[in-house]
Protein backbone atom coordinates (compact mmCIF):
# COMPACT_ATOMS: atom_id res chain seq x y z
CA MET A 1 12.27 3.11 -13.69
CA LEU A 2 15.67 2.56 -15.31
CA LEU A 3 15.48 0.75 -18.64
CA SER A 4 17.61 1.65 -21.64
CA ALA A 5 16.21 -0.97 -24.05
CA ALA A 6 13.44 -0.52 -26.59
CA GLN A 7 11.93 -3.93 -25.77
CA PRO A 8 9.89 -4.60 -22.62
CA ILE A 9 11.91 -6.11 -19.79
CA TRP A 10 10.10 -9.47 -20.01
CA SER A 11 10.98 -10.02 -23.68
CA LEU A 12 14.70 -9.24 -23.34
CA PRO A 13 17.10 -12.20 -23.53
CA GLN A 14 18.74 -12.84 -20.17
CA SER A 15 22.12 -11.84 -21.61
CA GLU A 16 20.74 -8.34 -22.33
CA VAL A 17 18.80 -7.71 -19.11
CA CYS A 18 21.80 -6.49 -17.12
CA ASP A 19 22.92 -4.23 -19.97
CA ALA A 20 19.44 -2.72 -20.27
CA LEU A 21 19.41 -1.92 -16.55
CA GLN A 22 23.03 -0.74 -16.60
CA THR A 23 24.16 -3.28 -14.03
CA THR A 24 26.47 -6.32 -13.89
CA PRO A 25 25.97 -10.04 -13.18
CA THR A 26 27.57 -9.44 -9.77
CA GLY A 27 25.28 -6.53 -8.87
CA LEU A 28 25.94 -2.85 -8.31
CA SER A 29 28.76 -1.22 -6.43
CA SER A 30 27.88 0.57 -3.19
CA ALA A 31 28.78 3.91 -4.76
CA GLU A 32 26.54 3.34 -7.79
CA ALA A 33 23.69 2.14 -5.55
CA LEU A 34 23.97 5.36 -3.54
CA ARG A 35 23.84 7.48 -6.71
CA ARG A 36 20.75 5.64 -7.92
CA LEU A 37 19.11 5.96 -4.50
CA GLU A 38 19.52 9.74 -4.75
CA ARG A 39 18.10 9.67 -8.27
CA PHE A 40 15.12 7.33 -7.82
CA GLY A 41 14.44 7.77 -4.10
CA PRO A 42 13.82 5.09 -1.47
CA ASN A 43 12.00 1.88 -2.31
CA SER A 44 8.88 2.77 -0.36
CA LEU A 45 5.42 4.00 -1.16
CA PRO A 46 4.92 7.75 -0.76
CA ALA A 47 3.05 8.67 2.38
CA LEU A 48 -0.67 8.97 1.78
CA ARG A 49 -2.05 12.47 1.93
CA ARG A 50 -3.79 12.55 5.27
CA ARG A 51 -6.41 15.02 6.35
CA SER A 52 -5.18 17.72 8.68
CA LEU A 53 -5.42 17.15 12.42
CA TRP A 54 -8.00 19.93 12.65
CA LEU A 55 -10.33 18.28 10.14
CA ARG A 56 -9.86 14.89 11.80
CA PHE A 57 -10.88 16.47 15.12
CA VAL A 58 -13.92 18.05 13.48
CA ASP A 59 -14.93 14.56 12.24
CA GLN A 60 -15.42 13.55 15.87
CA LEU A 61 -17.87 16.44 16.33
CA VAL A 62 -20.08 16.06 13.26
CA HIS A 63 -21.09 12.41 13.14
CA PHE A 64 -24.78 11.61 13.43
CA MET A 65 -24.90 11.17 17.23
CA ALA A 66 -22.88 14.34 17.80
CA LEU A 67 -25.13 16.34 15.46
CA LEU A 68 -28.18 15.19 17.40
CA LEU A 69 -26.58 16.40 20.64
CA TRP A 70 -25.61 19.75 19.07
CA ILE A 71 -29.26 20.23 18.05
CA ALA A 72 -30.47 19.11 21.47
CA GLY A 73 -28.18 21.63 23.16
CA GLY A 74 -29.46 24.40 20.91
CA LEU A 75 -33.06 23.47 21.64
CA ALA A 76 -32.26 23.52 25.36
CA PHE A 77 -31.32 27.20 24.98
CA VAL A 78 -34.59 27.80 23.13
CA ALA A 79 -36.46 26.08 25.96
CA GLY A 80 -34.90 28.44 28.50
CA THR A 81 -32.52 25.93 30.11
CA PRO A 82 -29.08 27.24 29.13
CA ALA A 83 -27.29 25.19 31.79
CA LEU A 84 -28.54 22.00 30.16
CA GLY A 85 -27.53 23.29 26.73
CA TRP A 86 -23.98 24.07 27.84
CA ALA A 87 -23.73 20.68 29.54
CA ILE A 88 -24.81 18.81 26.39
CA TRP A 89 -22.35 20.75 24.22
CA ALA A 90 -19.57 20.11 26.73
CA VAL A 91 -20.28 16.39 26.50
CA VAL A 92 -19.88 16.53 22.71
CA LEU A 93 -16.60 18.48 22.90
CA ILE A 94 -15.04 16.35 25.64
CA ASN A 95 -16.08 13.11 23.97
CA GLY A 96 -14.75 14.27 20.58
CA ALA A 97 -11.43 15.37 22.06
CA PHE A 98 -11.03 12.08 23.92
CA SER A 99 -11.78 9.94 20.84
CA PHE A 100 -9.49 12.04 18.66
CA TRP A 101 -6.59 11.80 21.12
CA GLN A 102 -6.99 8.03 21.56
CA GLU A 103 -6.88 7.35 17.81
CA PHE A 104 -4.09 9.87 17.24
CA GLN A 105 -1.94 8.19 19.90
CA ALA A 106 -2.59 4.74 18.41
CA GLU A 107 -1.64 5.87 14.90
CA ARG A 108 1.53 7.52 16.19
CA THR A 109 2.52 4.35 18.06
CA LEU A 110 1.80 2.22 14.99
CA ALA A 111 3.96 4.49 12.83
CA ALA A 112 6.79 4.23 15.35
CA LEU A 113 6.57 0.44 15.34
CA THR A 114 6.67 0.40 11.53
CA ARG A 115 9.81 2.54 11.51
CA ALA A 116 11.45 0.38 14.17
CA LEU A 117 11.01 -2.86 12.20
CA PRO A 118 12.63 -2.36 8.78
CA ARG A 119 12.31 -5.23 6.31
CA GLN A 120 15.58 -6.70 5.07
CA VAL A 121 16.49 -8.40 1.79
CA GLN A 122 19.48 -10.26 0.39
CA VAL A 123 21.18 -8.24 -2.36
CA TRP A 124 24.46 -8.41 -4.26
CA ARG A 125 26.61 -5.32 -3.67
CA ASP A 126 30.30 -5.02 -4.54
CA GLY A 127 30.21 -8.60 -5.82
CA GLN A 128 29.06 -10.06 -2.47
CA LEU A 129 25.69 -11.17 -1.12
CA GLN A 130 24.75 -8.73 1.63
CA THR A 131 21.79 -7.94 3.85
CA CYS A 132 20.17 -4.63 2.97
CA GLN A 133 17.07 -2.79 4.10
CA ALA A 134 14.33 -3.09 1.52
CA ASP A 135 13.86 0.66 1.21
CA GLN A 136 17.49 0.98 0.04
CA LEU A 137 16.94 -1.11 -3.12
CA VAL A 138 17.41 0.64 -6.47
CA PRO A 139 16.83 -0.34 -10.11
CA GLY A 140 19.67 -2.61 -11.21
CA ASP A 141 20.06 -4.37 -7.85
CA ARG A 142 20.37 -8.15 -7.98
CA VAL A 143 18.31 -9.75 -5.18
CA ALA A 144 17.95 -13.30 -3.85
CA LEU A 145 14.47 -14.67 -3.15
CA GLU A 146 13.72 -17.68 -0.95
CA GLU A 147 10.63 -19.38 0.42
CA GLY A 148 8.77 -17.08 2.81
CA ASP A 149 10.28 -13.85 1.45
CA GLN A 150 8.13 -10.95 0.40
CA VAL A 151 9.25 -9.62 -2.97
CA PRO A 152 10.66 -6.13 -2.21
CA ALA A 153 10.43 -4.57 -5.70
CA ASP A 154 9.46 -5.38 -9.27
CA GLY A 155 12.14 -7.51 -10.90
CA ARG A 156 13.00 -9.69 -13.87
CA LEU A 157 14.00 -13.24 -13.00
CA LEU A 158 17.51 -14.35 -13.95
CA GLU A 159 17.37 -17.73 -12.18
CA SER A 160 14.51 -19.76 -10.75
CA ILE A 161 14.24 -23.15 -9.07
CA ARG A 162 10.62 -24.30 -8.82
CA LEU A 163 9.62 -20.78 -7.83
CA TYR A 164 6.00 -20.18 -6.81
CA LEU A 165 4.49 -16.87 -5.71
CA ASP A 166 1.35 -15.87 -3.85
CA VAL A 167 0.12 -12.96 -5.99
CA SER A 168 -3.27 -12.57 -4.29
CA VAL A 169 -2.36 -9.05 -3.14
CA LEU A 170 -2.42 -8.00 -6.82
CA THR A 171 -4.83 -10.41 -8.51
CA GLY A 172 -7.00 -11.86 -5.74
CA GLU A 173 -6.01 -15.36 -6.90
CA SER A 174 -5.31 -17.49 -3.81
CA LEU A 175 -3.43 -20.33 -5.51
CA PRO A 176 0.35 -19.93 -5.91
CA VAL A 177 1.54 -19.29 -9.47
CA ALA A 178 4.76 -20.54 -11.04
CA ARG A 179 7.49 -18.15 -12.13
CA GLN A 180 10.34 -19.05 -14.52
CA ALA A 181 13.35 -17.12 -15.77
CA GLU A 182 12.79 -17.92 -19.46
CA THR A 183 12.47 -15.02 -21.89
CA LEU A 184 8.93 -14.34 -23.15
CA PRO A 185 8.09 -13.40 -26.74
CA PRO A 186 6.94 -9.81 -27.44
CA GLU A 187 3.21 -9.43 -26.92
CA ARG A 188 0.79 -9.18 -29.80
CA SER A 189 -1.02 -5.88 -30.17
CA ASP A 190 -4.36 -7.71 -30.44
CA HIS A 191 -3.76 -9.77 -27.31
CA PRO A 192 -2.15 -7.65 -24.55
CA ILE A 193 -1.20 -9.44 -21.34
CA PRO A 194 -1.18 -7.59 -17.99
CA THR A 195 2.26 -7.14 -16.46
CA ARG A 196 1.23 -9.02 -13.33
CA GLU A 197 0.65 -12.16 -15.45
CA ARG A 198 4.14 -12.21 -17.01
CA SER A 199 5.70 -15.46 -15.84
CA ASN A 200 9.29 -14.16 -15.73
CA LEU A 201 8.53 -11.16 -13.52
CA VAL A 202 8.34 -10.98 -9.73
CA LEU A 203 6.30 -8.07 -8.39
CA ALA A 204 6.55 -6.11 -5.16
CA GLY A 205 4.16 -7.17 -2.41
CA THR A 206 3.86 -10.80 -3.55
CA THR A 207 5.24 -13.63 -1.42
CA VAL A 208 7.47 -16.59 -2.28
CA THR A 209 5.57 -19.73 -1.25
CA ALA A 210 8.06 -22.27 -2.61
CA GLY A 211 11.37 -22.47 -4.38
CA ARG A 212 14.12 -19.94 -4.89
CA GLY A 213 15.12 -17.35 -7.43
CA ILE A 214 17.41 -14.47 -8.36
CA ALA A 215 15.98 -11.31 -9.91
CA VAL A 216 17.27 -7.94 -11.04
CA VAL A 217 15.19 -4.95 -9.91
CA TYR A 218 13.70 -2.72 -12.61
CA ALA A 219 11.13 -0.68 -10.64
CA THR A 220 10.92 0.50 -7.04
CA GLY A 221 8.52 2.42 -4.80
CA ALA A 222 5.57 4.08 -6.50
CA GLU A 223 6.74 2.81 -9.92
CA THR A 224 5.97 -0.80 -9.00
CA GLU A 225 2.69 -2.53 -9.83
CA PHE A 226 1.91 -2.60 -6.13
CA GLY A 227 2.60 1.13 -5.90
CA GLN A 228 0.15 1.83 -8.70
CA VAL A 229 -2.54 -0.27 -7.00
CA ALA A 230 -1.88 1.54 -3.72
CA HIS A 231 -2.29 4.89 -5.50
CA LEU A 232 -5.66 3.82 -6.92
CA THR A 233 -6.94 2.65 -3.54
CA ALA A 234 -5.58 5.56 -1.50
CA SER A 235 -8.91 7.39 -1.61
CA THR A 236 -10.98 4.41 -0.47
CA GLU A 237 -13.01 5.34 2.59
CA ARG A 238 -13.25 3.14 5.65
CA SER A 239 -16.61 1.43 6.06
CA PRO A 240 -18.33 1.89 9.43
CA SER A 241 -17.95 -0.84 12.03
CA THR A 242 -20.83 -2.92 13.38
CA LEU A 243 -21.00 -0.78 16.52
CA GLU A 244 -21.04 2.46 14.53
CA ARG A 245 -23.91 1.16 12.40
CA GLN A 246 -25.84 0.04 15.48
CA VAL A 247 -25.37 3.37 17.28
CA ALA A 248 -26.42 5.25 14.13
CA ARG A 249 -29.55 3.10 13.88
CA ILE A 250 -30.41 3.73 17.56
CA VAL A 251 -29.91 7.47 17.09
CA ARG A 252 -32.20 7.48 14.05
CA VAL A 253 -34.89 5.63 15.98
CA ILE A 254 -34.58 7.93 19.01
CA THR A 255 -34.59 11.01 16.79
CA THR A 256 -37.73 9.82 15.02
CA ILE A 257 -39.48 9.13 18.33
CA ALA A 258 -38.36 12.42 19.89
CA VAL A 259 -39.42 14.53 16.92
CA SER A 260 -42.74 12.68 16.67
CA MET A 261 -43.45 13.19 20.38
CA GLY A 262 -42.46 16.86 20.14
CA LEU A 263 -44.80 17.45 17.21
CA LEU A 264 -47.57 15.51 18.95
CA VAL A 265 -47.19 17.51 22.17
CA PHE A 266 -47.04 20.78 20.23
CA GLY A 267 -50.27 19.90 18.42
CA LEU A 268 -52.03 18.75 21.57
CA SER A 269 -50.96 21.88 23.45
CA LEU A 270 -52.50 24.09 20.78
CA VAL A 271 -55.71 22.14 20.17
CA PHE A 272 -56.67 20.72 23.54
CA VAL A 273 -54.77 22.68 26.20
CA GLY A 274 -55.14 26.09 24.65
CA MET A 275 -51.51 27.13 24.92
CA GLY A 276 -50.09 29.82 22.70
CA PRO A 277 -47.69 28.85 19.89
CA LEU A 278 -44.59 30.02 21.79
CA GLU A 279 -45.56 28.21 24.99
CA GLY A 280 -46.42 25.09 23.05
CA LEU A 281 -43.09 25.23 21.21
CA VAL A 282 -41.13 25.55 24.45
CA PHE A 283 -43.02 22.62 25.93
CA ALA A 284 -42.43 20.51 22.78
CA VAL A 285 -38.71 21.36 22.82
CA GLY A 286 -38.50 20.23 26.43
CA ILE A 287 -40.05 16.88 25.47
CA LEU A 288 -37.62 16.53 22.54
CA VAL A 289 -34.53 17.32 24.67
CA ALA A 290 -35.69 14.93 27.39
CA ASN A 291 -35.71 12.08 24.87
CA VAL A 292 -32.15 12.71 23.67
CA PRO A 293 -29.73 10.20 25.32
CA GLU A 294 -26.98 12.66 26.27
CA GLY A 295 -25.14 9.97 28.21
CA LEU A 296 -25.07 7.39 25.41
CA LEU A 297 -22.11 8.85 23.52
CA PRO A 298 -19.74 9.25 26.50
CA SER A 299 -20.83 5.88 27.92
CA VAL A 300 -19.95 4.07 24.69
CA THR A 301 -16.68 5.96 24.31
CA LEU A 302 -15.56 5.32 27.89
CA ALA A 303 -16.46 1.63 27.71
CA LEU A 304 -14.41 1.23 24.54
CA ALA A 305 -11.53 3.27 25.96
CA LEU A 306 -11.33 1.08 29.06
CA ASN A 307 -11.03 -2.00 26.87
CA VAL A 308 -8.39 -0.29 24.72
CA ARG A 309 -6.37 0.33 27.89
CA ARG A 310 -6.76 -3.30 28.97
CA MET A 311 -5.56 -4.53 25.58
CA ALA A 312 -2.62 -2.11 25.65
CA GLN A 313 -1.55 -3.69 28.94
CA ARG A 314 -1.42 -6.99 27.02
CA ASN A 315 0.70 -5.52 24.20
CA ALA A 316 -2.21 -5.20 21.75
CA LEU A 317 -2.48 -1.89 19.91
CA VAL A 318 -5.99 -0.76 18.92
CA ARG A 319 -6.01 1.92 16.25
CA ARG A 320 -9.73 2.78 16.33
CA LEU A 321 -12.04 2.61 19.31
CA SER A 322 -14.84 1.02 17.29
CA ALA A 323 -12.60 -1.96 16.48
CA ILE A 324 -13.02 -3.16 20.07
CA GLU A 325 -16.66 -4.05 19.44
CA THR A 326 -15.73 -5.90 16.25
CA LEU A 327 -13.21 -7.96 18.19
CA GLY A 328 -15.86 -8.65 20.80
CA SER A 329 -18.07 -10.18 18.10
CA VAL A 330 -15.56 -12.96 17.34
CA SER A 331 -17.08 -16.42 17.71
CA VAL A 332 -14.39 -18.61 16.07
CA ILE A 333 -10.59 -18.33 16.16
CA CYS A 334 -8.64 -20.30 13.53
CA SER A 335 -5.01 -20.55 14.56
CA ASP A 336 -1.90 -21.89 12.89
CA LYS A 337 0.10 -24.36 14.97
CA THR A 338 3.79 -23.65 14.44
CA GLY A 339 4.91 -20.39 16.00
CA THR A 340 1.42 -19.48 17.21
CA LEU A 341 0.35 -22.31 19.49
CA THR A 342 3.95 -23.53 19.75
CA CYS A 343 7.21 -21.69 20.49
CA ASN A 344 8.70 -22.15 17.00
CA ARG A 345 11.86 -23.57 18.60
CA MET A 346 12.44 -26.83 16.78
CA ALA A 347 14.92 -29.37 18.17
CA VAL A 348 15.76 -32.94 17.14
CA GLU A 349 14.56 -35.00 20.10
CA ASP A 350 14.58 -38.53 18.67
CA THR A 351 15.68 -40.59 15.67
CA TRP A 352 14.61 -43.95 14.35
CA LEU A 353 16.59 -46.30 12.09
CA PRO A 354 15.31 -49.55 10.58
CA ASN A 355 18.64 -51.11 11.58
CA PRO A 356 20.16 -49.17 14.49
CA ASP A 357 23.81 -48.28 13.94
CA PRO A 358 25.77 -45.36 15.52
CA LEU A 359 27.53 -44.55 12.25
CA LEU A 360 24.28 -44.68 10.30
CA HIS A 361 22.82 -42.28 12.86
CA ASN A 362 25.58 -39.79 12.03
CA TRP A 363 25.04 -40.22 8.30
CA LEU A 364 21.32 -39.62 8.84
CA LEU A 365 22.20 -36.22 10.33
CA VAL A 366 24.80 -35.47 7.64
CA TRP A 367 22.44 -36.26 4.78
CA SER A 368 19.59 -34.28 6.34
CA CYS A 369 21.91 -31.25 6.65
CA LEU A 370 23.05 -31.55 3.04
CA CYS A 371 19.39 -31.54 1.98
CA SER A 372 18.84 -28.18 3.66
CA ASN A 373 19.09 -24.48 2.85
CA ALA A 374 19.82 -23.36 6.41
CA HIS A 375 23.42 -22.45 7.16
CA LEU A 376 25.63 -21.98 10.19
CA GLU A 377 27.20 -18.57 10.74
CA LEU A 378 30.26 -18.32 12.96
CA ALA A 379 30.38 -14.53 13.46
CA PRO A 380 29.64 -12.44 15.37
CA ALA A 381 28.31 -15.44 17.33
CA ARG A 382 27.75 -19.05 16.34
CA HIS A 383 24.14 -19.31 15.19
CA VAL A 384 21.96 -20.91 12.53
CA VAL A 385 20.14 -18.90 9.85
CA GLY A 386 17.19 -20.38 7.97
CA ASP A 387 13.96 -22.31 8.35
CA PRO A 388 13.48 -23.46 12.00
CA THR A 389 13.05 -27.10 10.98
CA GLU A 390 16.23 -27.14 8.90
CA ALA A 391 18.03 -25.11 11.55
CA ALA A 392 17.23 -27.84 14.10
CA LEU A 393 18.92 -30.41 11.85
CA LEU A 394 22.11 -28.34 11.70
CA VAL A 395 22.08 -27.83 15.47
CA ALA A 396 21.78 -31.60 16.01
CA ALA A 397 24.64 -32.30 13.59
CA ASP A 398 26.76 -29.62 15.24
CA ALA A 399 26.09 -31.11 18.68
CA ALA A 400 27.22 -34.50 17.33
CA GLY A 401 30.53 -32.97 16.21
CA LEU A 402 29.84 -33.43 12.49
CA ASN A 403 30.93 -29.88 11.49
CA PRO A 404 27.84 -29.04 9.40
CA GLU A 405 29.38 -25.74 8.24
CA ARG A 406 31.95 -27.72 6.18
CA LEU A 407 29.50 -30.09 4.52
CA PRO A 408 28.52 -27.85 1.54
CA GLN A 409 32.20 -27.44 0.62
CA LEU A 410 32.95 -31.16 0.94
CA HIS A 411 29.87 -32.19 -1.03
CA PRO A 412 28.89 -29.43 -3.52
CA ARG A 413 25.28 -29.31 -4.65
CA ARG A 414 24.55 -30.02 -8.32
CA GLN A 415 20.79 -29.74 -8.34
CA GLU A 416 17.87 -28.94 -6.08
CA ILE A 417 14.18 -29.80 -6.19
CA PRO A 418 12.69 -27.46 -3.55
CA PHE A 419 10.06 -28.40 -1.03
CA ASP A 420 6.47 -27.44 -1.76
CA SER A 421 3.18 -28.18 -0.04
CA HIS A 422 2.00 -30.56 -2.77
CA ARG A 423 5.07 -32.81 -3.00
CA ARG A 424 5.84 -32.44 0.73
CA ARG A 425 9.51 -33.24 0.21
CA MET A 426 12.78 -31.68 -0.93
CA SER A 427 15.63 -33.30 -2.85
CA VAL A 428 19.18 -32.36 -3.74
CA VAL A 429 21.91 -33.95 -5.84
CA VAL A 430 25.34 -33.59 -4.23
CA GLU A 431 28.82 -34.67 -5.28
CA ALA A 432 30.76 -37.26 -3.33
CA GLY A 433 33.77 -35.06 -2.68
CA PRO A 434 36.70 -35.95 -0.42
CA GLY A 435 36.01 -37.99 2.70
CA TRP A 436 32.67 -39.31 1.44
CA GLN A 437 33.37 -42.72 3.00
CA SER A 438 35.06 -41.32 6.09
CA GLY A 439 34.13 -42.40 9.57
CA GLY A 440 34.91 -46.07 9.06
CA MET A 441 31.61 -46.87 7.40
CA GLY A 442 33.23 -49.47 5.18
CA TRP A 443 30.42 -49.39 2.64
CA GLY A 444 31.96 -50.63 -0.55
CA TRP A 445 28.71 -50.11 -2.41
CA LEU A 446 28.93 -46.33 -1.85
CA GLU A 447 31.15 -45.63 -4.85
CA SER A 448 28.94 -43.30 -6.84
CA GLN A 449 30.11 -39.83 -7.78
CA ALA A 450 26.75 -38.26 -6.90
CA LEU A 451 24.00 -38.89 -4.41
CA VAL A 452 20.34 -37.90 -4.37
CA ILE A 453 19.18 -36.97 -0.87
CA THR A 454 15.47 -36.54 -0.15
CA LYS A 455 13.87 -35.38 3.08
CA GLY A 456 10.22 -34.72 3.78
CA ALA A 457 6.95 -36.19 5.01
CA PRO A 458 7.58 -39.87 5.84
CA LEU A 459 4.69 -41.36 3.88
CA GLU A 460 5.53 -39.39 0.73
CA VAL A 461 9.22 -40.27 0.98
CA LEU A 462 8.44 -43.92 1.66
CA ASP A 463 6.32 -44.13 -1.50
CA HIS A 464 9.46 -43.45 -3.58
CA CYS A 465 11.67 -46.01 -1.80
CA VAL A 466 12.36 -49.57 -2.96
CA SER A 467 15.12 -50.44 -0.48
CA GLY A 468 15.99 -50.04 3.17
CA MET A 469 19.35 -49.24 4.75
CA ALA A 470 21.47 -51.85 6.51
CA ALA A 471 25.11 -51.87 7.62
CA ALA A 472 26.09 -53.98 4.62
CA GLY A 473 24.16 -51.84 2.14
CA PRO A 474 20.64 -51.60 0.70
CA ILE A 475 18.18 -54.41 1.29
CA PRO A 476 14.75 -54.90 -0.34
CA LEU A 477 11.99 -52.91 1.35
CA LEU A 478 9.21 -55.45 1.76
CA GLU A 479 5.72 -54.80 3.11
CA PRO A 480 6.49 -55.91 6.72
CA GLU A 481 9.36 -53.42 6.82
CA ARG A 482 7.17 -50.69 5.32
CA ARG A 483 4.57 -51.37 8.00
CA ARG A 484 7.27 -51.07 10.67
CA ILE A 485 8.33 -47.68 9.27
CA ARG A 486 4.74 -46.42 9.26
CA GLU A 487 4.26 -47.59 12.85
CA ALA A 488 7.46 -45.83 13.92
CA ASN A 489 6.24 -42.66 12.21
CA ASP A 490 2.92 -42.80 14.06
CA ARG A 491 4.69 -43.52 17.36
CA LEU A 492 6.91 -40.45 17.03
CA ALA A 493 4.03 -38.30 15.80
CA SER A 494 1.84 -39.36 18.75
CA GLN A 495 4.42 -37.74 21.05
CA GLY A 496 3.92 -34.41 19.29
CA TYR A 497 7.02 -34.70 17.11
CA ARG A 498 7.21 -33.35 13.59
CA VAL A 499 8.61 -36.38 11.78
CA ILE A 500 10.96 -36.09 8.81
CA ALA A 501 12.13 -39.02 6.70
CA VAL A 502 15.45 -39.18 4.85
CA ALA A 503 16.17 -41.30 1.78
CA ILE A 504 19.06 -41.49 -0.69
CA ARG A 505 19.74 -42.77 -4.18
CA LEU A 506 23.07 -43.37 -5.93
CA LEU A 507 23.59 -41.79 -9.32
CA PRO A 508 26.04 -42.83 -12.05
CA HIS A 509 29.12 -40.69 -12.70
CA ASP A 510 27.31 -38.53 -15.25
CA GLY A 511 23.90 -38.44 -13.58
CA GLY A 512 22.08 -35.58 -11.95
CA SER A 513 24.03 -32.83 -13.67
CA GLY A 514 21.09 -31.39 -15.59
CA THR A 515 18.45 -29.12 -14.22
CA ASP A 516 15.63 -30.83 -16.10
CA ALA A 517 15.82 -34.19 -14.34
CA SER A 518 13.10 -32.97 -11.98
CA GLU A 519 11.39 -35.66 -9.90
CA ALA A 520 12.92 -38.51 -11.90
CA VAL A 521 15.92 -38.48 -9.56
CA GLU A 522 13.61 -39.23 -6.62
CA GLN A 523 12.69 -42.71 -7.82
CA GLN A 524 14.15 -46.06 -6.69
CA GLN A 525 15.43 -44.63 -3.41
CA VAL A 526 16.89 -46.19 -0.26
CA PHE A 527 15.05 -45.38 2.97
CA VAL A 528 17.50 -44.24 5.68
CA GLY A 529 15.54 -43.27 8.79
CA LEU A 530 13.28 -40.87 10.67
CA LEU A 531 13.98 -37.72 12.64
CA GLY A 532 11.59 -36.56 15.37
CA LEU A 533 11.61 -32.79 15.93
CA TYR A 534 9.76 -31.22 18.83
CA ASP A 535 8.39 -27.70 19.01
CA PRO A 536 7.05 -27.20 22.56
CA PRO A 537 3.65 -25.55 23.02
CA ARG A 538 3.61 -22.03 24.41
CA PRO A 539 2.98 -22.26 28.16
CA GLU A 540 0.23 -19.61 28.06
CA VAL A 541 -1.80 -21.34 25.34
CA PRO A 542 -3.86 -23.80 27.48
CA GLU A 543 -5.13 -20.99 29.72
CA ALA A 544 -5.93 -18.82 26.67
CA ILE A 545 -7.94 -21.65 25.10
CA ARG A 546 -9.82 -22.24 28.35
CA ARG A 547 -10.77 -18.58 28.63
CA CYS A 548 -11.87 -18.47 24.99
CA ARG A 549 -14.21 -21.39 25.63
CA GLU A 550 -15.61 -19.67 28.71
CA ALA A 551 -16.36 -16.67 26.50
CA GLY A 552 -18.16 -18.87 23.98
CA ILE A 553 -15.39 -18.68 21.37
CA LYS A 554 -14.49 -21.83 19.46
CA VAL A 555 -10.74 -22.33 18.87
CA THR A 556 -9.62 -24.37 15.86
CA MET A 557 -6.10 -25.44 14.88
CA VAL A 558 -5.36 -25.24 11.15
CA THR A 559 -2.13 -26.98 10.15
CA GLY A 560 -0.53 -28.86 7.31
CA ASP A 561 1.28 -31.20 9.70
CA TYR A 562 0.67 -34.93 9.92
CA GLY A 563 -2.69 -35.54 11.62
CA VAL A 564 -1.25 -37.64 14.46
CA THR A 565 1.25 -34.87 15.31
CA ALA A 566 -1.50 -32.24 15.26
CA GLN A 567 -3.67 -34.43 17.48
CA ALA A 568 -0.87 -34.87 20.02
CA ILE A 569 -0.18 -31.12 20.21
CA ALA A 570 -3.93 -30.43 20.47
CA GLN A 571 -4.13 -32.79 23.45
CA GLN A 572 -1.14 -31.14 25.12
CA ILE A 573 -2.69 -27.67 24.92
CA GLY A 574 -6.20 -28.79 25.89
CA LEU A 575 -7.71 -28.09 22.48
CA LEU A 576 -8.76 -31.57 21.39
CA GLU A 577 -12.44 -32.39 21.42
CA PRO A 578 -14.31 -35.26 19.75
CA SER A 579 -14.09 -35.00 15.96
CA ALA A 580 -11.62 -32.11 16.25
CA VAL A 581 -9.09 -33.68 13.88
CA ARG A 582 -10.12 -34.14 10.25
């Protein structure tokens, strides 16, 4: 950790944070970042101390079932059947070697996959925002955080816009918590507050669920809160699987029966048959060995191994053999919709305007792009970077020849109210800029210097609208028109479209410049239109659902989308049953 101030990082004024971490408001230089990387090491957790391969192999030979077979083999020698003893011991050795090799191969493959998929972050280096691998971060780096990002290191917030984090990995709390950049007062000695509860800190391992922020890194790798938790839990032992518990129970029962029968036979041979002690012992050992299920262990191992091979052919990596049985116990599958049941390839397929107009259609696309955080990159190839839904809006605008890459420069953003799952909408305040009334719109009423643009769930957006859009300007939004908008929304949703509404509001020359206006700017809006985006279902999903049902597994779709849209997609993939949508 690099911190040259006497005060804790959370209680430092923002103006002193960069000085304390010996960095600048524009980030570190590449040369300085390299020096710090050599000093502090990579931003990754140290590899856990693993048991040696020899000891891990021995583990496969000393579990309860294996011990029973070792004893049975020894007793076979005592009973005068060495061939049987060697055969039983060979079964234990071969089975142990096979299980060890299978799990070793799976762990090696998993490690290779982890190395092949490095996580990337946005960081300022040499005064520019660059993409960097997360393990190259060092204290003093200035990083950008957006919705969906995993926080790569512990950092102090410098800027935040309605930032919410999922901190369940550290606290177990499932609800997102707000994070702000404001300086906190020094803590009282009689009321200490855990670091993970400091509202101006972002901690490694947590996830951004809403909003955006900029933070400066103060701890990396093992020095992070997540690293300390990982160190404490490194020695936690794996609990046995259901199959392992069942096999252990069967072995205990068989052992009890075998030993009881051996003792009974030994006693009977002495008392009633008149055998000598040695003869009786040999006879009892034979009974005991006969009751030992020598074939159980290899049968279970081979059955699991065959299923591991089948899953590997379907690109599923199984780390432990016993996990196969756990997977076989599944009775319900809860699946997300977007990207799991669908292809996660959004495209604008349809639009709806209260008063159809070709120019208004273009403005609908322009305004939806301005209220977006996706962006179009021209090199090395023309492509869109960002959320798939927002990317689809830019692609549609680009196809219409509206040059979406120039829009942020023509109409700079003053303020943003990010999307979150509770509000179900996003708003921005943009400046008019040059060419605001281009395209021959001829709207004399559009003379404001700033415009609020809102996009989001149609019903939520409609609740904040008082007017509708017409060629001559805003018109009152009466109940018949509201009903027509709701019907259009349901019609698009019934085709499986994700429907997005767009609304605007004019601001006076001095409006919308503050960051504390919050949702007040979303009132008294003008409803513009609807966009229908389609994400096609994966072609293999219907067959997968059918086979799950044949296996007695119930498949459930869990989604935050509009119910009509979810119902339409469920029908398309063969998932919908009576009362399936709630």
